[in-house]
Amino acid sequence: MDESTYTEIMLTIAQAFEMLAAAVLIAGLFLSFGLGLRTYRRHHDGTQTYLILRRTFGGVLLLGLEILVAGDLIRTVAIAPTIENVVVLGLIVLIRTFLSFSLEIEIEGVPPWRRAFVSGATVVKKAAQASGGA
């Protein structure tokens, strides 16, 4: 396999991660609204419905950010591991990590280091359970 073929394959994989992240965000939006609707139908409580929507979509955003970071890692490390690209990747990861921490604090109410590790998928699962689902 020559270098151009390898680069094309890695670019395709990185783009697949980006498309997966977009699909997760879109599906998560529908899931959030579905859970919110189910919560409202069962409890007729707008506040609880809002909290379920917020927690579910916040978890989806966390999961989407995690997937996007994976795509960025593949793009940078596998395709063009220059110092400049690694620095840019570091900045992107730093910004996304800050966003993830901010979202986790907003969703859970406590900083991530003051409780057990929670991923985006775990947050979505908790929100689904709180809405009355499995």
Protein backbone atom coordinates (compact mmCIF):
# COMPACT_ATOMS: atom_id res chain seq x y z
CA MET A 1 0.00 0.00 0.00
CA ASP A 2 1.48 3.32 -1.02
CA GLU A 3 1.37 6.49 1.08
CA SER A 4 -1.42 8.18 -0.87
CA THR A 5 -3.71 5.14 -0.48
CA TYR A 6 -2.96 5.01 3.26
CA THR A 7 -3.70 8.74 3.60
CA GLU A 8 -6.99 8.37 1.72
CA ILE A 9 -8.04 5.45 3.93
CA MET A 10 -7.21 7.36 7.12
CA LEU A 11 -9.05 10.45 5.85
CA THR A 12 -12.08 8.28 5.08
CA ILE A 13 -11.95 6.77 8.58
CA ALA A 14 -11.66 10.23 10.18
CA GLN A 15 -14.62 11.43 8.09
CA ALA A 16 -16.57 8.34 9.18
CA PHE A 17 -16.01 9.36 12.80
CA GLU A 18 -17.25 12.87 12.02
CA MET A 19 -20.34 11.47 10.28
CA LEU A 20 -20.93 9.13 13.23
CA ALA A 21 -20.74 12.10 15.61
CA ALA A 22 -23.27 14.01 13.50
CA ALA A 23 -25.56 10.96 13.43
CA VAL A 24 -25.26 10.60 17.22
CA LEU A 25 -26.22 14.26 17.66
CA ILE A 26 -29.22 13.99 15.35
CA ALA A 27 -30.42 10.68 16.84
CA GLY A 28 -29.78 12.05 20.32
CA LEU A 29 -31.92 15.09 19.62
CA PHE A 30 -34.84 12.83 18.67
CA LEU A 31 -34.15 10.56 21.66
CA SER A 32 -34.12 13.59 23.97
CA PHE A 33 -37.45 14.84 22.66
CA GLY A 34 -38.90 11.33 22.85
CA LEU A 35 -37.84 10.90 26.47
CA GLY A 36 -39.09 14.38 27.28
CA LEU A 37 -42.47 13.65 25.72
CA ARG A 38 -42.73 10.34 27.59
CA THR A 39 -41.84 12.07 30.84
CA TYR A 40 -44.44 14.77 30.28
CA ARG A 41 -47.14 12.22 29.42
CA ARG A 42 -46.41 10.18 32.55
CA HIS A 43 -45.89 12.98 35.08
CA HIS A 44 -47.41 16.14 33.55
CA ASP A 45 -44.53 18.06 35.09
CA GLY A 46 -42.83 20.61 32.85
CA THR A 47 -39.85 21.01 35.19
CA GLN A 48 -39.09 17.30 35.23
CA THR A 49 -39.55 17.15 31.47
CA TYR A 50 -37.09 20.02 31.00
CA LEU A 51 -34.54 18.33 33.26
CA ILE A 52 -34.84 15.06 31.30
CA LEU A 53 -34.45 16.91 27.99
CA ARG A 54 -31.46 18.83 29.29
CA ARG A 55 -29.75 15.81 30.85
CA THR A 56 -30.34 13.58 27.82
CA PHE A 57 -29.19 16.06 25.19
CA GLY A 58 -26.26 17.12 27.39
CA GLY A 59 -25.15 13.48 27.49
CA VAL A 60 -25.55 13.24 23.72
CA LEU A 61 -23.37 16.33 23.30
CA LEU A 62 -20.71 14.74 25.53
CA LEU A 63 -20.79 11.55 23.47
CA GLY A 64 -20.60 13.52 20.22
CA LEU A 65 -17.58 15.46 21.49
CA GLU A 66 -15.83 12.22 22.47
CA ILE A 67 -16.38 10.79 18.98
CA LEU A 68 -15.15 14.00 17.32
CA VAL A 69 -11.95 13.90 19.40
CA ALA A 70 -11.35 10.34 18.18
CA GLY A 71 -11.72 11.50 14.58
CA ASP A 72 -9.32 14.39 15.17
CA LEU A 73 -6.77 12.02 16.70
CA ILE A 74 -6.91 9.73 13.68
CA ARG A 75 -6.65 12.65 11.28
CA THR A 76 -3.64 14.16 13.04
CA VAL A 77 -1.65 11.13 14.15
CA ALA A 78 -2.23 8.87 11.15
CA ILE A 79 -2.18 11.40 8.34
CA ALA A 80 0.12 14.32 9.11
CA PRO A 81 1.87 14.07 12.48
CA THR A 82 3.76 17.35 12.16
CA ILE A 83 4.49 19.54 15.19
CA GLU A 84 2.06 22.18 13.91
CA ASN A 85 -0.76 19.63 13.49
CA VAL A 86 -0.09 18.10 16.91
CA VAL A 87 -0.24 21.56 18.52
CA VAL A 88 -3.53 22.30 16.74
CA LEU A 89 -4.86 18.90 17.86
CA GLY A 90 -3.78 19.68 21.41
CA LEU A 91 -5.70 22.96 21.31
CA ILE A 92 -8.78 21.26 19.87
CA VAL A 93 -8.67 18.54 22.53
CA LEU A 94 -8.16 21.18 25.24
CA ILE A 95 -11.18 23.18 24.04
CA ARG A 96 -13.36 20.06 23.74
CA THR A 97 -12.22 18.85 27.16
CA PHE A 98 -13.19 22.21 28.65
CA LEU A 99 -16.57 21.96 26.91
CA SER A 100 -17.03 18.41 28.22
CA PHE A 101 -16.22 19.47 31.79
CA SER A 102 -18.57 22.44 31.49
CA LEU A 103 -21.37 20.22 30.19
CA GLU A 104 -20.82 17.63 32.92
CA ILE A 105 -20.94 20.30 35.61
CA GLU A 106 -24.09 21.73 34.04
CA ILE A 107 -25.77 18.31 33.82
CA GLU A 108 -24.67 16.75 37.10
CA GLY A 109 -24.24 19.87 39.22
CA VAL A 110 -20.77 18.89 40.48
CA PRO A 111 -17.31 18.93 38.90
CA PRO A 112 -16.26 15.64 37.29
CA TRP A 113 -13.39 15.13 39.72
CA ARG A 114 -15.81 15.19 42.69
CA ARG A 115 -17.76 12.13 41.56
CA ALA A 116 -17.29 8.91 39.61
CA PHE A 117 -16.36 9.12 35.93
CA VAL A 118 -19.38 9.64 33.70
CA SER A 119 -19.37 9.39 29.93
CA GLY A 120 -21.95 10.80 27.55
CA ALA A 121 -23.53 7.38 27.14
CA THR A 122 -23.87 6.98 30.92
CA VAL A 123 -25.61 10.35 31.19
CA VAL A 124 -28.08 9.38 28.45
CA LYS A 125 -28.76 6.05 30.19
CA LYS A 126 -29.45 7.79 33.52
CA ALA A 127 -31.80 10.25 31.84
CA ALA A 128 -33.69 7.41 30.14
CA GLN A 129 -34.07 5.64 33.48
CA ALA A 130 -35.25 8.83 35.16
CA SER A 131 -37.90 9.33 32.47
CA GLY A 132 -39.46 6.00 33.39
CA GLY A 133 -37.75 3.79 30.84
CA ALA A 134 -35.48 0.78 31.10
